[in-house]
N, C-alpha and C. Protein backbone atom coordinates (compact mmCIF):
# COMPACT_ATOMS: atom_id res chain seq x y z
N MET A 1 94.00 90.55 98.68
CA MET A 1 92.84 91.06 97.99
C MET A 1 93.25 92.22 97.08
N LYS A 2 92.74 92.23 95.89
CA LYS A 2 93.07 93.27 94.91
C LYS A 2 92.00 94.36 94.98
N ILE A 3 92.46 95.59 95.07
CA ILE A 3 91.54 96.73 95.08
C ILE A 3 91.32 97.16 93.64
N THR A 4 90.07 97.25 93.24
CA THR A 4 89.73 97.60 91.87
C THR A 4 89.54 99.11 91.73
N PRO A 5 89.66 99.62 90.51
CA PRO A 5 89.38 101.04 90.28
C PRO A 5 87.96 101.42 90.70
N GLU A 6 87.03 100.49 90.52
CA GLU A 6 85.63 100.74 90.91
C GLU A 6 85.52 100.91 92.43
N HIS A 7 86.27 100.12 93.16
CA HIS A 7 86.29 100.22 94.62
C HIS A 7 86.82 101.59 95.03
N ASN A 8 87.92 102.01 94.41
CA ASN A 8 88.50 103.32 94.72
C ASN A 8 87.53 104.45 94.40
N GLU A 9 86.82 104.33 93.28
CA GLU A 9 85.86 105.36 92.88
C GLU A 9 84.68 105.42 93.86
N ARG A 10 84.23 104.26 94.31
CA ARG A 10 83.13 104.21 95.27
C ARG A 10 83.52 104.92 96.57
N ILE A 11 84.75 104.69 97.03
CA ILE A 11 85.24 105.35 98.24
C ILE A 11 85.32 106.86 98.04
N ALA A 12 85.83 107.28 96.90
CA ALA A 12 85.97 108.72 96.62
C ALA A 12 84.63 109.44 96.66
N LYS A 13 83.56 108.77 96.21
CA LYS A 13 82.24 109.40 96.12
C LYS A 13 81.42 109.28 97.41
N MET A 14 81.81 108.39 98.29
CA MET A 14 81.09 108.19 99.54
C MET A 14 81.22 109.45 100.41
N THR A 15 80.15 109.84 101.08
CA THR A 15 80.25 111.02 101.95
C THR A 15 80.70 110.62 103.34
N PHE A 16 81.51 111.49 103.93
CA PHE A 16 81.96 111.26 105.29
C PHE A 16 80.76 111.24 106.23
N ALA A 17 79.79 112.12 105.99
CA ALA A 17 78.60 112.20 106.86
C ALA A 17 77.81 110.91 106.87
N SER A 18 77.85 110.14 105.79
CA SER A 18 77.09 108.88 105.75
C SER A 18 77.75 107.79 106.58
N VAL A 19 79.05 107.88 106.79
CA VAL A 19 79.80 106.86 107.52
C VAL A 19 80.02 107.26 108.98
N TYR A 20 80.10 108.56 109.22
CA TYR A 20 80.41 109.06 110.56
C TYR A 20 79.52 108.48 111.67
N PRO A 21 78.18 108.43 111.49
CA PRO A 21 77.34 107.85 112.56
C PRO A 21 77.72 106.41 112.90
N HIS A 22 78.19 105.66 111.91
CA HIS A 22 78.62 104.29 112.14
C HIS A 22 79.90 104.25 112.99
N TYR A 23 80.78 105.23 112.75
CA TYR A 23 81.99 105.34 113.57
C TYR A 23 81.61 105.58 115.03
N VAL A 24 80.68 106.52 115.25
CA VAL A 24 80.24 106.86 116.61
C VAL A 24 79.63 105.64 117.28
N THR A 25 78.72 104.97 116.59
CA THR A 25 78.07 103.78 117.14
C THR A 25 79.08 102.71 117.50
N LYS A 26 80.03 102.48 116.59
CA LYS A 26 81.03 101.43 116.81
C LYS A 26 81.84 101.69 118.07
N VAL A 27 82.33 102.92 118.25
CA VAL A 27 83.19 103.18 119.42
C VAL A 27 82.38 103.25 120.71
N GLU A 28 81.18 103.85 120.65
CA GLU A 28 80.37 103.96 121.86
C GLU A 28 79.87 102.59 122.32
N LYS A 29 79.55 101.72 121.38
CA LYS A 29 79.09 100.37 121.72
C LYS A 29 80.19 99.60 122.48
N LYS A 30 81.44 99.97 122.23
CA LYS A 30 82.57 99.30 122.89
C LYS A 30 83.09 100.08 124.10
N GLY A 31 82.30 101.08 124.56
CA GLY A 31 82.66 101.79 125.79
C GLY A 31 83.61 102.97 125.60
N ARG A 32 83.87 103.36 124.37
CA ARG A 32 84.71 104.54 124.12
C ARG A 32 83.79 105.74 123.89
N THR A 33 84.37 106.93 123.85
CA THR A 33 83.55 108.14 123.77
C THR A 33 83.69 108.85 122.42
N LYS A 34 82.72 109.71 122.17
CA LYS A 34 82.76 110.55 120.97
C LYS A 34 83.98 111.47 121.02
N ASP A 35 84.33 111.94 122.21
CA ASP A 35 85.52 112.80 122.36
C ASP A 35 86.78 112.04 121.95
N GLU A 36 86.86 110.76 122.31
CA GLU A 36 88.02 109.96 121.90
C GLU A 36 88.03 109.78 120.37
N LEU A 37 86.86 109.59 119.80
CA LEU A 37 86.75 109.48 118.35
C LEU A 37 87.24 110.77 117.70
N TYR A 38 86.80 111.91 118.21
CA TYR A 38 87.25 113.21 117.69
C TYR A 38 88.76 113.36 117.82
N GLU A 39 89.31 112.89 118.93
CA GLU A 39 90.76 112.98 119.13
C GLU A 39 91.51 112.19 118.06
N VAL A 40 91.01 111.02 117.74
CA VAL A 40 91.62 110.18 116.73
C VAL A 40 91.52 110.85 115.35
N ILE A 41 90.34 111.36 115.02
CA ILE A 41 90.14 112.02 113.73
C ILE A 41 91.02 113.27 113.65
N HIS A 42 91.08 114.03 114.73
CA HIS A 42 91.92 115.23 114.76
C HIS A 42 93.39 114.87 114.54
N TRP A 43 93.86 113.82 115.21
CA TRP A 43 95.25 113.40 115.06
C TRP A 43 95.56 113.08 113.59
N LEU A 44 94.68 112.34 112.94
CA LEU A 44 94.93 111.93 111.56
C LEU A 44 94.79 113.08 110.57
N THR A 45 93.77 113.91 110.74
CA THR A 45 93.42 114.89 109.71
C THR A 45 93.79 116.34 110.03
N GLY A 46 93.95 116.64 111.31
CA GLY A 46 94.19 118.02 111.71
C GLY A 46 92.91 118.82 111.91
N PHE A 47 91.74 118.22 111.64
CA PHE A 47 90.47 118.93 111.80
C PHE A 47 90.10 119.08 113.28
N ASP A 48 89.75 120.30 113.69
CA ASP A 48 89.22 120.48 115.04
C ASP A 48 87.73 120.13 115.01
N ASP A 49 87.09 120.17 116.18
CA ASP A 49 85.68 119.78 116.29
C ASP A 49 84.78 120.61 115.37
N THR A 50 85.05 121.93 115.31
CA THR A 50 84.23 122.83 114.50
C THR A 50 84.35 122.50 113.02
N LYS A 51 85.59 122.34 112.55
CA LYS A 51 85.82 122.03 111.14
C LYS A 51 85.22 120.67 110.78
N LEU A 52 85.36 119.70 111.67
CA LEU A 52 84.80 118.38 111.43
C LEU A 52 83.29 118.47 111.27
N GLN A 53 82.64 119.23 112.16
CA GLN A 53 81.18 119.39 112.07
C GLN A 53 80.79 120.10 110.77
N GLU A 54 81.57 121.08 110.35
CA GLU A 54 81.29 121.76 109.07
C GLU A 54 81.33 120.79 107.91
N LEU A 55 82.33 119.90 107.91
CA LEU A 55 82.47 118.92 106.84
C LEU A 55 81.31 117.92 106.85
N ILE A 56 80.88 117.54 108.04
CA ILE A 56 79.73 116.65 108.18
C ILE A 56 78.48 117.33 107.64
N ASP A 57 78.26 118.58 108.07
CA ASP A 57 77.08 119.33 107.63
C ASP A 57 77.06 119.56 106.12
N ALA A 58 78.25 119.76 105.54
CA ALA A 58 78.35 120.00 104.10
C ALA A 58 78.26 118.71 103.29
N LYS A 59 78.25 117.58 103.98
CA LYS A 59 78.17 116.26 103.33
C LYS A 59 79.25 116.09 102.25
N VAL A 60 80.48 116.41 102.64
CA VAL A 60 81.60 116.28 101.69
C VAL A 60 81.91 114.81 101.45
N THR A 61 82.44 114.54 100.27
CA THR A 61 82.87 113.19 99.94
C THR A 61 84.19 112.90 100.67
N PHE A 62 84.55 111.63 100.73
CA PHE A 62 85.85 111.28 101.32
C PHE A 62 86.98 111.90 100.51
N LYS A 63 86.79 112.05 99.20
CA LYS A 63 87.81 112.69 98.38
C LYS A 63 88.05 114.12 98.87
N THR A 64 86.99 114.88 99.03
CA THR A 64 87.10 116.26 99.53
C THR A 64 87.61 116.27 100.96
N PHE A 65 87.12 115.38 101.78
CA PHE A 65 87.51 115.29 103.19
C PHE A 65 89.03 115.18 103.31
N PHE A 66 89.62 114.24 102.57
CA PHE A 66 91.06 114.04 102.67
C PHE A 66 91.86 115.08 101.89
N GLU A 67 91.27 115.69 100.86
CA GLU A 67 91.95 116.80 100.17
C GLU A 67 92.12 117.99 101.12
N ARG A 68 91.16 118.20 101.99
CA ARG A 68 91.20 119.33 102.93
C ARG A 68 91.99 119.01 104.20
N ALA A 69 92.27 117.74 104.42
CA ALA A 69 92.97 117.32 105.64
C ALA A 69 94.45 117.67 105.57
N ASN A 70 95.02 117.88 106.73
CA ASN A 70 96.47 118.03 106.88
C ASN A 70 96.93 116.74 107.56
N LEU A 71 97.18 115.72 106.75
CA LEU A 71 97.45 114.39 107.29
C LEU A 71 98.66 114.38 108.22
N ASN A 72 98.50 113.70 109.34
CA ASN A 72 99.58 113.60 110.32
C ASN A 72 100.81 112.97 109.67
N PRO A 73 102.00 113.55 109.93
CA PRO A 73 103.21 112.99 109.32
C PRO A 73 103.52 111.55 109.76
N ASN A 74 102.92 111.11 110.87
CA ASN A 74 103.13 109.73 111.33
C ASN A 74 102.05 108.76 110.84
N ALA A 75 101.19 109.22 109.95
CA ALA A 75 100.12 108.35 109.44
C ALA A 75 100.70 107.10 108.77
N HIS A 76 101.87 107.23 108.17
CA HIS A 76 102.48 106.07 107.51
C HIS A 76 102.80 104.93 108.49
N LEU A 77 102.79 105.23 109.78
CA LEU A 77 103.04 104.20 110.79
C LEU A 77 101.82 103.30 111.02
N ILE A 78 100.67 103.68 110.45
CA ILE A 78 99.46 102.88 110.58
C ILE A 78 99.57 101.72 109.60
N LYS A 79 99.68 100.53 110.15
CA LYS A 79 99.87 99.35 109.32
C LYS A 79 98.90 98.26 109.78
N GLY A 80 98.81 97.23 109.00
CA GLY A 80 97.97 96.10 109.36
C GLY A 80 96.87 95.87 108.35
N VAL A 81 95.95 95.01 108.73
CA VAL A 81 94.86 94.63 107.83
C VAL A 81 93.56 95.23 108.35
N ILE A 82 92.82 95.83 107.43
CA ILE A 82 91.50 96.35 107.75
C ILE A 82 90.59 96.08 106.55
N CYS A 83 89.43 95.56 106.81
CA CYS A 83 88.46 95.22 105.76
C CYS A 83 89.07 94.30 104.71
N GLY A 84 89.98 93.44 105.15
CA GLY A 84 90.60 92.48 104.25
C GLY A 84 91.76 93.00 103.43
N TYR A 85 92.15 94.25 103.65
CA TYR A 85 93.24 94.85 102.88
C TYR A 85 94.41 95.19 103.79
N ARG A 86 95.63 94.89 103.35
CA ARG A 86 96.83 95.29 104.07
C ARG A 86 97.08 96.74 103.71
N ILE A 87 96.96 97.63 104.69
CA ILE A 87 97.01 99.07 104.47
C ILE A 87 98.26 99.51 103.71
N GLU A 88 99.41 99.01 104.13
CA GLU A 88 100.66 99.48 103.53
C GLU A 88 100.83 99.02 102.08
N GLU A 89 99.96 98.15 101.59
CA GLU A 89 100.04 97.68 100.20
C GLU A 89 99.02 98.36 99.29
N ILE A 90 98.22 99.27 99.83
CA ILE A 90 97.20 99.95 99.04
C ILE A 90 97.87 101.06 98.23
N ASP A 91 97.74 100.98 96.90
CA ASP A 91 98.40 101.94 96.00
C ASP A 91 97.66 103.27 95.92
N ASN A 92 96.35 103.22 95.91
CA ASN A 92 95.55 104.44 95.76
C ASN A 92 95.61 105.26 97.05
N LEU A 93 96.09 106.50 96.96
CA LEU A 93 96.30 107.33 98.14
C LEU A 93 95.01 107.55 98.93
N LEU A 94 93.93 107.90 98.27
CA LEU A 94 92.67 108.16 98.97
C LEU A 94 92.17 106.91 99.70
N THR A 95 92.22 105.78 99.02
CA THR A 95 91.76 104.53 99.64
C THR A 95 92.63 104.22 100.86
N ARG A 96 93.94 104.42 100.74
CA ARG A 96 94.84 104.17 101.87
C ARG A 96 94.50 105.11 103.03
N GLN A 97 94.25 106.39 102.74
CA GLN A 97 93.92 107.34 103.80
C GLN A 97 92.63 106.96 104.50
N MET A 98 91.63 106.53 103.74
CA MET A 98 90.38 106.10 104.37
C MET A 98 90.61 104.87 105.24
N ARG A 99 91.43 103.96 104.77
CA ARG A 99 91.72 102.77 105.57
C ARG A 99 92.53 103.11 106.80
N TYR A 100 93.37 104.15 106.73
CA TYR A 100 94.04 104.65 107.94
C TYR A 100 92.98 105.00 108.99
N LEU A 101 91.98 105.77 108.57
CA LEU A 101 90.93 106.18 109.49
C LEU A 101 90.17 104.97 110.02
N ASP A 102 89.82 104.05 109.14
CA ASP A 102 89.13 102.83 109.56
C ASP A 102 89.94 102.07 110.61
N LYS A 103 91.24 101.95 110.37
CA LYS A 103 92.11 101.20 111.28
C LYS A 103 92.18 101.87 112.65
N LEU A 104 92.32 103.20 112.67
CA LEU A 104 92.37 103.92 113.95
C LEU A 104 91.07 103.74 114.73
N ILE A 105 89.96 103.83 114.05
CA ILE A 105 88.66 103.68 114.71
C ILE A 105 88.48 102.25 115.20
N ASP A 106 88.95 101.30 114.43
CA ASP A 106 88.90 99.89 114.85
C ASP A 106 89.74 99.68 116.11
N GLU A 107 90.92 100.25 116.14
CA GLU A 107 91.78 100.13 117.32
C GLU A 107 91.13 100.78 118.54
N LEU A 108 90.50 101.92 118.34
CA LEU A 108 89.80 102.61 119.44
C LEU A 108 88.68 101.71 119.98
N ALA A 109 87.90 101.15 119.08
CA ALA A 109 86.78 100.29 119.48
C ALA A 109 87.27 99.02 120.18
N LYS A 110 88.45 98.56 119.83
CA LYS A 110 88.99 97.35 120.44
C LYS A 110 89.66 97.62 121.79
N GLY A 111 89.65 98.88 122.23
CA GLY A 111 90.17 99.20 123.56
C GLY A 111 91.66 99.48 123.62
N ARG A 112 92.29 99.66 122.48
CA ARG A 112 93.73 99.95 122.48
C ARG A 112 93.98 101.29 123.18
N LYS A 113 95.11 101.42 123.83
CA LYS A 113 95.45 102.66 124.53
C LYS A 113 95.65 103.78 123.52
N MET A 114 95.18 104.98 123.91
CA MET A 114 95.21 106.13 123.02
C MET A 114 96.63 106.46 122.54
N GLU A 115 97.63 106.35 123.41
CA GLU A 115 98.99 106.68 122.98
C GLU A 115 99.49 105.72 121.89
N LYS A 116 98.99 104.50 121.89
CA LYS A 116 99.37 103.54 120.83
C LYS A 116 98.60 103.85 119.55
N ILE A 117 97.31 104.17 119.68
CA ILE A 117 96.51 104.52 118.52
C ILE A 117 97.10 105.72 117.80
N LEU A 118 97.53 106.71 118.58
CA LEU A 118 98.05 107.95 118.00
C LEU A 118 99.54 107.87 117.66
N ARG A 119 100.08 106.67 117.70
CA ARG A 119 101.47 106.42 117.31
C ARG A 119 102.43 107.40 117.96
N LYS A 120 102.26 107.57 119.28
CA LYS A 120 103.16 108.47 120.01
C LYS A 120 104.49 107.79 120.26
N GLU A 121 105.55 108.57 120.11
CA GLU A 121 106.88 108.04 120.34
C GLU A 121 107.10 107.84 121.83
N LYS A 122 107.87 106.81 122.15
CA LYS A 122 108.20 106.54 123.55
C LYS A 122 109.28 107.50 124.00
N ASP A 123 109.16 107.97 125.24
CA ASP A 123 110.16 108.90 125.79
C ASP A 123 111.44 108.18 126.16
């Protein structure tokens, strides 16, 4: 699937606050918790619970959300297909970062173990 400039622009303008409730619903419906969701978001972005809530309250766009994030150095290990797109083939940085988040939340909802979701190295 080819990602269009219009698709990238739509993602950039979308607010995190508009999508966040859907993330919560998705993981809770599958028996996971909001705390686990926060853990996943924290791992990817570096945002603690307070900062995350501030960003939600401010209704920041995904562009601003990821500009303010301190992306985990292991984020590049997130691979696979999400929403019909192969993550590692997405050229637009913002779109790829959003799909990283989508993929992590999808894995959480599917019951994957947290250490695998967070790409922890084996001892």
